[in-house]
Amino acid sequence: MGMPGGMEWVLIALVVLLLFGGKKIPELAKGLGSGIKNFKKAVKDDEEVASTDKKDEIEKKDEEANVESKKDETKTV
């Protein structure tokens, strides 16, 4: 099943117009647009949090490795 063709889109538009009426459609479109905007913002924020968490984790592992290497150096001396 592929994407709807031209006639299918016209039929869908007519059904939406009949169900919601001409006055409600702009409100629905505005709500849909703001929902998409909020979703994209949340995804971006989540990616930023994940990347900073990963950086913090890498820095912590590097610090632990440096501490262990210093311990090994003092043992060999």
PDB file of N, CA and C in Angstrom:
ATOM      1  N   MET A   1       0.855  -1.176   0.000  1.00  0.00           N
ATOM      2  CA  MET A   1       0.000   0.000   0.000  1.00  0.00           C
ATOM      3  C   MET A   1       0.895   1.232   0.000  1.00  0.00           C
ATOM      4  N   GLY A   2       0.732   2.073  -1.020  1.00  0.00           N
ATOM      5  CA  GLY A   2       1.575   3.251  -1.172  1.00  0.00           C
ATOM      6  C   GLY A   2       0.918   4.504  -0.648  1.00  0.00           C
ATOM      7  N   MET A   3       1.496   5.602  -1.025  1.00  0.00           N
ATOM      8  CA  MET A   3       0.955   6.905  -0.629  1.00  0.00           C
ATOM      9  C   MET A   3      -0.339   7.168  -1.395  1.00  0.00           C
ATOM     10  N   PRO A   4      -1.262   7.902  -0.778  1.00  0.00           N
ATOM     11  CA  PRO A   4      -2.505   8.230  -1.480  1.00  0.00           C
ATOM     12  C   PRO A   4      -2.241   9.138  -2.680  1.00  0.00           C
ATOM     13  N   GLY A   5      -3.017   8.927  -3.746  1.00  0.00           N
ATOM     14  CA  GLY A   5      -2.894   9.752  -4.941  1.00  0.00           C
ATOM     15  C   GLY A   5      -3.708  11.028  -4.816  1.00  0.00           C
ATOM     16  N   GLY A   6      -3.846  11.733  -5.923  1.00  0.00           N
ATOM     17  CA  GLY A   6      -4.535  13.021  -5.926  1.00  0.00           C
ATOM     18  C   GLY A   6      -5.997  12.924  -5.514  1.00  0.00           C
ATOM     19  N   MET A   7      -6.713  11.968  -6.083  1.00  0.00           N
ATOM     20  CA  MET A   7      -8.143  11.828  -5.763  1.00  0.00           C
ATOM     21  C   MET A   7      -8.353  11.405  -4.308  1.00  0.00           C
ATOM     22  N   GLU A   8      -7.453  10.578  -3.795  1.00  0.00           N
ATOM     23  CA  GLU A   8      -7.580  10.161  -2.397  1.00  0.00           C
ATOM     24  C   GLU A   8      -7.407  11.353  -1.452  1.00  0.00           C
ATOM     25  N   TRP A   9      -6.450  12.257  -1.776  1.00  0.00           N
ATOM     26  CA  TRP A   9      -6.243  13.443  -0.943  1.00  0.00           C
ATOM     27  C   TRP A   9      -7.466  14.356  -0.969  1.00  0.00           C
ATOM     28  N   VAL A  10      -8.089  14.471  -2.131  1.00  0.00           N
ATOM     29  CA  VAL A  10      -9.296  15.287  -2.237  1.00  0.00           C
ATOM     30  C   VAL A  10     -10.409  14.690  -1.373  1.00  0.00           C
ATOM     31  N   LEU A  11     -10.554  13.386  -1.433  1.00  0.00           N
ATOM     32  CA  LEU A  11     -11.569  12.710  -0.627  1.00  0.00           C
ATOM     33  C   LEU A  11     -11.297  12.883   0.868  1.00  0.00           C
ATOM     34  N   ILE A  12     -10.047  12.751   1.262  1.00  0.00           N
ATOM     35  CA  ILE A  12      -9.671  12.945   2.668  1.00  0.00           C
ATOM     36  C   ILE A  12      -9.984  14.374   3.104  1.00  0.00           C
ATOM     37  N   ALA A  13      -9.643  15.352   2.265  1.00  0.00           N
ATOM     38  CA  ALA A  13      -9.911  16.758   2.591  1.00  0.00           C
ATOM     39  C   ALA A  13     -11.407  17.007   2.743  1.00  0.00           C
ATOM     40  N   LEU A  14     -12.212  16.418   1.868  1.00  0.00           N
ATOM     41  CA  LEU A  14     -13.658  16.598   1.969  1.00  0.00           C
ATOM     42  C   LEU A  14     -14.217  15.972   3.244  1.00  0.00           C
ATOM     43  N   VAL A  15     -13.731  14.802   3.613  1.00  0.00           N
ATOM     44  CA  VAL A  15     -14.197  14.150   4.839  1.00  0.00           C
ATOM     45  C   VAL A  15     -13.827  14.995   6.055  1.00  0.00           C
ATOM     46  N   VAL A  16     -12.604  15.516   6.084  1.00  0.00           N
ATOM     47  CA  VAL A  16     -12.174  16.370   7.204  1.00  0.00           C
ATOM     48  C   VAL A  16     -13.031  17.622   7.255  1.00  0.00           C
ATOM     49  N   LEU A  17     -13.307  18.212   6.109  1.00  0.00           N
ATOM     50  CA  LEU A  17     -14.139  19.410   6.062  1.00  0.00           C
ATOM     51  C   LEU A  17     -15.548  19.125   6.572  1.00  0.00           C
ATOM     52  N   LEU A  18     -16.095  17.981   6.199  1.00  0.00           N
ATOM     53  CA  LEU A  18     -17.434  17.627   6.659  1.00  0.00           C
ATOM     54  C   LEU A  18     -17.472  17.325   8.159  1.00  0.00           C
ATOM     55  N   LEU A  19     -16.424  16.663   8.649  1.00  0.00           N
ATOM     56  CA  LEU A  19     -16.403  16.295  10.067  1.00  0.00           C
ATOM     57  C   LEU A  19     -16.201  17.496  10.983  1.00  0.00           C
ATOM     58  N   PHE A  20     -15.292  18.377  10.629  1.00  0.00           N
ATOM     59  CA  PHE A  20     -14.909  19.449  11.546  1.00  0.00           C
ATOM     60  C   PHE A  20     -15.475  20.816  11.165  1.00  0.00           C
ATOM     61  N   GLY A  21     -15.844  21.013   9.927  1.00  0.00           N
ATOM     62  CA  GLY A  21     -16.348  22.312   9.500  1.00  0.00           C
ATOM     63  C   GLY A  21     -15.210  23.255   9.165  1.00  0.00           C
ATOM     64  N   GLY A  22     -15.534  24.293   8.402  1.00  0.00           N
ATOM     65  CA  GLY A  22     -14.517  25.237   7.933  1.00  0.00           C
ATOM     66  C   GLY A  22     -13.896  26.074   9.027  1.00  0.00           C
ATOM     67  N   LYS A  23     -14.617  26.331  10.094  1.00  0.00           N
ATOM     68  CA  LYS A  23     -14.095  27.194  11.158  1.00  0.00           C
ATOM     69  C   LYS A  23     -13.123  26.463  12.077  1.00  0.00           C
ATOM     70  N   LYS A  24     -13.283  25.160  12.210  1.00  0.00           N
ATOM     71  CA  LYS A  24     -12.438  24.396  13.130  1.00  0.00           C
ATOM     72  C   LYS A  24     -11.098  23.998  12.519  1.00  0.00           C
ATOM     73  N   ILE A  25     -11.019  23.914  11.204  1.00  0.00           N
ATOM     74  CA  ILE A  25      -9.808  23.414  10.555  1.00  0.00           C
ATOM     75  C   ILE A  25      -8.580  24.275  10.869  1.00  0.00           C
ATOM     76  N   PRO A  26      -8.653  25.619  10.809  1.00  0.00           N
ATOM     77  CA  PRO A  26      -7.465  26.413  11.180  1.00  0.00           C
ATOM     78  C   PRO A  26      -7.034  26.178  12.630  1.00  0.00           C
ATOM     79  N   GLU A  27      -7.990  26.017  13.523  1.00  0.00           N
ATOM     80  CA  GLU A  27      -7.651  25.740  14.923  1.00  0.00           C
ATOM     81  C   GLU A  27      -6.949  24.391  15.053  1.00  0.00           C
ATOM     82  N   LEU A  28      -7.447  23.398  14.327  1.00  0.00           N
ATOM     83  CA  LEU A  28      -6.820  22.076  14.364  1.00  0.00           C
ATOM     84  C   LEU A  28      -5.416  22.121  13.795  1.00  0.00           C
ATOM     85  N   ALA A  29      -5.241  22.852  12.694  1.00  0.00           N
ATOM     86  CA  ALA A  29      -3.918  22.969  12.084  1.00  0.00           C
ATOM     87  C   ALA A  29      -2.941  23.685  13.026  1.00  0.00           C
ATOM     88  N   LYS A  30      -3.426  24.714  13.698  1.00  0.00           N
ATOM     89  CA  LYS A  30      -2.578  25.437  14.653  1.00  0.00           C
ATOM     90  C   LYS A  30      -2.170  24.521  15.807  1.00  0.00           C
ATOM     91  N   GLY A  31      -3.126  23.764  16.323  1.00  0.00           N
ATOM     92  CA  GLY A  31      -2.815  22.830  17.404  1.00  0.00           C
ATOM     93  C   GLY A  31      -1.837  21.752  16.974  1.00  0.00           C
ATOM     94  N   LEU A  32      -2.012  21.254  15.753  1.00  0.00           N
ATOM     95  CA  LEU A  32      -1.099  20.243  15.228  1.00  0.00           C
ATOM     96  C   LEU A  32       0.306  20.816  15.063  1.00  0.00           C
ATOM     97  N   GLY A  33       0.383  22.045  14.546  1.00  0.00           N
ATOM     98  CA  GLY A  33       1.688  22.692  14.367  1.00  0.00           C
ATOM     99  C   GLY A  33       2.405  22.918  15.688  1.00  0.00           C
ATOM    100  N   SER A  34       1.678  23.374  16.696  1.00  0.00           N
ATOM    101  CA  SER A  34       2.314  23.606  17.997  1.00  0.00           C
ATOM    102  C   SER A  34       2.714  22.281  18.641  1.00  0.00           C
ATOM    103  N   GLY A  35       1.934  21.237  18.414  1.00  0.00           N
ATOM    104  CA  GLY A  35       2.300  19.922  18.938  1.00  0.00           C
ATOM    105  C   GLY A  35       3.585  19.408  18.314  1.00  0.00           C
ATOM    106  N   ILE A  36       3.714  19.579  17.009  1.00  0.00           N
ATOM    107  CA  ILE A  36       4.940  19.154  16.320  1.00  0.00           C
ATOM    108  C   ILE A  36       6.123  19.972  16.807  1.00  0.00           C
ATOM    109  N   LYS A  37       5.922  21.283  16.989  1.00  0.00           N
ATOM    110  CA  LYS A  37       6.998  22.154  17.470  1.00  0.00           C
ATOM    111  C   LYS A  37       7.465  21.721  18.861  1.00  0.00           C
ATOM    112  N   ASN A  38       6.522  21.444  19.757  1.00  0.00           N
ATOM    113  CA  ASN A  38       6.874  21.004  21.106  1.00  0.00           C
ATOM    114  C   ASN A  38       7.579  19.661  21.087  1.00  0.00           C
ATOM    115  N   PHE A  39       7.138  18.761  20.198  1.00  0.00           N
ATOM    116  CA  PHE A  39       7.772  17.454  20.094  1.00  0.00           C
ATOM    117  C   PHE A  39       9.222  17.590  19.631  1.00  0.00           C
ATOM    118  N   LYS A  40       9.462  18.406  18.623  1.00  0.00           N
ATOM    119  CA  LYS A  40      10.832  18.612  18.125  1.00  0.00           C
ATOM    120  C   LYS A  40      11.711  19.231  19.209  1.00  0.00           C
ATOM    121  N   LYS A  41      11.149  20.177  19.969  1.00  0.00           N
ATOM    122  CA  LYS A  41      11.914  20.814  21.048  1.00  0.00           C
ATOM    123  C   LYS A  41      12.278  19.792  22.121  1.00  0.00           C
ATOM    124  N   ALA A  42      11.329  18.919  22.464  1.00  0.00           N
ATOM    125  CA  ALA A  42      11.591  17.905  23.481  1.00  0.00           C
ATOM    126  C   ALA A  42      12.650  16.918  23.011  1.00  0.00           C
ATOM    127  N   VAL A  43      12.605  16.540  21.740  1.00  0.00           N
ATOM    128  CA  VAL A  43      13.612  15.625  21.193  1.00  0.00           C
ATOM    129  C   VAL A  43      14.988  16.283  21.235  1.00  0.00           C
ATOM    130  N   LYS A  44      15.059  17.561  20.854  1.00  0.00           N
ATOM    131  CA  LYS A  44      16.340  18.275  20.862  1.00  0.00           C
ATOM    132  C   LYS A  44      16.890  18.386  22.282  1.00  0.00           C
ATOM    133  N   ASP A  45      16.029  18.728  23.231  1.00  0.00           N
ATOM    134  CA  ASP A  45      16.457  18.831  24.626  1.00  0.00           C
ATOM    135  C   ASP A  45      16.946  17.483  25.145  1.00  0.00           C
ATOM    136  N   ASP A  46      16.237  16.420  24.778  1.00  0.00           N
ATOM    137  CA  ASP A  46      16.630  15.082  25.215  1.00  0.00           C
ATOM    138  C   ASP A  46      17.981  14.692  24.635  1.00  0.00           C
ATOM    139  N   GLU A  47      18.232  15.040  23.366  1.00  0.00           N
ATOM    140  CA  GLU A  47      19.527  14.742  22.755  1.00  0.00           C
ATOM    141  C   GLU A  47      20.643  15.506  23.445  1.00  0.00           C
ATOM    142  N   GLU A  48      20.382  16.765  23.807  1.00  0.00           N
ATOM    143  CA  GLU A  48      21.394  17.566  24.496  1.00  0.00           C
ATOM    144  C   GLU A  48      21.710  16.974  25.862  1.00  0.00           C
ATOM    145  N   VAL A  49      20.689  16.544  26.587  1.00  0.00           N
ATOM    146  CA  VAL A  49      20.895  15.950  27.909  1.00  0.00           C
ATOM    147  C   VAL A  49      21.676  14.650  27.771  1.00  0.00           C
ATOM    148  N   ALA A  50      21.332  13.844  26.777  1.00  0.00           N
ATOM    149  CA  ALA A  50      22.024  12.573  26.579  1.00  0.00           C
ATOM    150  C   ALA A  50      23.486  12.801  26.222  1.00  0.00           C
ATOM    151  N   SER A  51      23.772  13.805  25.382  1.00  0.00           N
ATOM    152  CA  SER A  51      25.153  14.048  24.991  1.00  0.00           C
ATOM    153  C   SER A  51      25.970  14.579  26.172  1.00  0.00           C
ATOM    154  N   THR A  52      25.389  15.452  27.015  1.00  0.00           N
ATOM    155  CA  THR A  52      26.131  15.952  28.169  1.00  0.00           C
ATOM    156  C   THR A  52      26.340  14.837  29.193  1.00  0.00           C
ATOM    157  N   ASP A  53      25.342  13.956  29.359  1.00  0.00           N
ATOM    158  CA  ASP A  53      25.509  12.827  30.269  1.00  0.00           C
ATOM    159  C   ASP A  53      26.628  11.911  29.789  1.00  0.00           C
ATOM    160  N   LYS A  54      26.689  11.694  28.488  1.00  0.00           N
ATOM    161  CA  LYS A  54      27.729  10.825  27.935  1.00  0.00           C
ATOM    162  C   LYS A  54      29.096  11.465  28.109  1.00  0.00           C
ATOM    163  N   LYS A  55      29.192  12.787  27.891  1.00  0.00           N
ATOM    164  CA  LYS A  55      30.468  13.482  28.088  1.00  0.00           C
ATOM    165  C   LYS A  55      30.907  13.380  29.542  1.00  0.00           C
ATOM    166  N   ASP A  56      29.964  13.575  30.477  1.00  0.00           N
ATOM    167  CA  ASP A  56      30.287  13.476  31.892  1.00  0.00           C
ATOM    168  C   ASP A  56      30.776  12.075  32.238  1.00  0.00           C
ATOM    169  N   GLU A  57      30.143  11.065  31.661  1.00  0.00           N
ATOM    170  CA  GLU A  57      30.534   9.691  31.925  1.00  0.00           C
ATOM    171  C   GLU A  57      31.943   9.413  31.393  1.00  0.00           C
ATOM    172  N   ILE A  58      32.249   9.924  30.215  1.00  0.00           N
ATOM    173  CA  ILE A  58      33.579   9.727  29.634  1.00  0.00           C
ATOM    174  C   ILE A  58      34.626  10.438  30.478  1.00  0.00           C
ATOM    175  N   GLU A  59      34.340  11.666  30.920  1.00  0.00           N
ATOM    176  CA  GLU A  59      35.281  12.397  31.764  1.00  0.00           C
ATOM    177  C   GLU A  59      35.518  11.666  33.077  1.00  0.00           C
ATOM    178  N   LYS A  60      34.479  11.110  33.656  1.00  0.00           N
ATOM    179  CA  LYS A  60      34.607  10.378  34.907  1.00  0.00           C
ATOM    180  C   LYS A  60      35.488   9.146  34.724  1.00  0.00           C
ATOM    181  N   LYS A  61      35.300   8.429  33.620  1.00  0.00           N
ATOM    182  CA  LYS A  61      36.137   7.257  33.352  1.00  0.00           C
ATOM    183  C   LYS A  61      37.589   7.654  33.135  1.00  0.00           C
ATOM    184  N   ASP A  62      37.806   8.786  32.453  1.00  0.00           N
ATOM    185  CA  ASP A  62      39.171   9.268  32.240  1.00  0.00           C
ATOM    186  C   ASP A  62      39.836   9.622  33.570  1.00  0.00           C
ATOM    187  N   GLU A  63      39.089  10.274  34.453  1.00  0.00           N
ATOM    188  CA  GLU A  63      39.633  10.625  35.760  1.00  0.00           C
ATOM    189  C   GLU A  63      39.983   9.374  36.562  1.00  0.00           C
ATOM    190  N   GLU A  64      39.103   8.368  36.511  1.00  0.00           N
ATOM    191  CA  GLU A  64      39.379   7.116  37.219  1.00  0.00           C
ATOM    192  C   GLU A  64      40.612   6.429  36.647  1.00  0.00           C
ATOM    193  N   ALA A  65      40.766   6.474  35.337  1.00  0.00           N
ATOM    194  CA  ALA A  65      41.935   5.864  34.703  1.00  0.00           C
ATOM    195  C   ALA A  65      43.205   6.601  35.111  1.00  0.00           C
ATOM    196  N   ASN A  66      43.149   7.925  35.212  1.00  0.00           N
ATOM    197  CA  ASN A  66      44.317   8.708  35.621  1.00  0.00           C
ATOM    198  C   ASN A  66      44.693   8.393  37.068  1.00  0.00           C
ATOM    199  N   VAL A  67      43.701   8.244  37.931  1.00  0.00           N
ATOM    200  CA  VAL A  67      43.966   7.927  39.334  1.00  0.00           C
ATOM    201  C   VAL A  67      44.620   6.548  39.433  1.00  0.00           C
ATOM    202  N   GLU A  68      44.107   5.580  38.671  1.00  0.00           N
ATOM    203  CA  GLU A  68      44.682   4.234  38.706  1.00  0.00           C
ATOM    204  C   GLU A  68      46.092   4.219  38.147  1.00  0.00           C
ATOM    205  N   SER A  69      46.354   5.002  37.107  1.00  0.00           N
ATOM    206  CA  SER A  69      47.705   5.031  36.536  1.00  0.00           C
ATOM    207  C   SER A  69      48.678   5.668  37.509  1.00  0.00           C
ATOM    208  N   LYS A  70      48.237   6.682  38.266  1.00  0.00           N
ATOM    209  CA  LYS A  70      49.105   7.289  39.260  1.00  0.00           C
ATOM    210  C   LYS A  70      49.406   6.321  40.393  1.00  0.00           C
ATOM    211  N   LYS A  71      48.421   5.503  40.763  1.00  0.00           N
ATOM    212  CA  LYS A  71      48.636   4.490  41.806  1.00  0.00           C
ATOM    213  C   LYS A  71      49.666   3.472  41.336  1.00  0.00           C
ATOM    214  N   ASP A  72      49.552   3.070  40.070  1.00  0.00           N
ATOM    215  CA  ASP A  72      50.504   2.109  39.516  1.00  0.00           C
ATOM    216  C   ASP A  72      51.913   2.688  39.476  1.00  0.00           C
ATOM    217  N   GLU A  73      52.034   3.981  39.174  1.00  0.00           N
ATOM    218  CA  GLU A  73      53.338   4.624  39.131  1.00  0.00           C
ATOM    219  C   GLU A  73      53.968   4.664  40.524  1.00  0.00           C
ATOM    220  N   THR A  74      53.190   4.929  41.549  1.00  0.00           N
ATOM    221  CA  THR A  74      53.736   5.008  42.897  1.00  0.00           C
ATOM    222  C   THR A  74      54.132   3.618  43.400  1.00  0.00           C
ATOM    223  N   LYS A  75      53.427   2.579  42.945  1.00  0.00           N
ATOM    224  CA  LYS A  75      53.776   1.212  43.354  1.00  0.00           C
ATOM    225  C   LYS A  75      55.080   0.768  42.733  1.00  0.00           C
ATOM    226  N   THR A  76      55.367   1.180  41.516  1.00  0.00           N
ATOM    227  CA  THR A  76      56.590   0.751  40.844  1.00  0.00           C
ATOM    228  C   THR A  76      57.792   1.505  41.354  1.00  0.00           C
ATOM    229  N   VAL A  77      57.616   2.642  41.971  1.00  0.00           N
ATOM    230  CA  VAL A  77      58.755   3.430  42.450  1.00  0.00           C
ATOM    231  C   VAL A  77      59.226   2.925  43.738  1.00  0.00           C
TER     232      VAL A  77
END
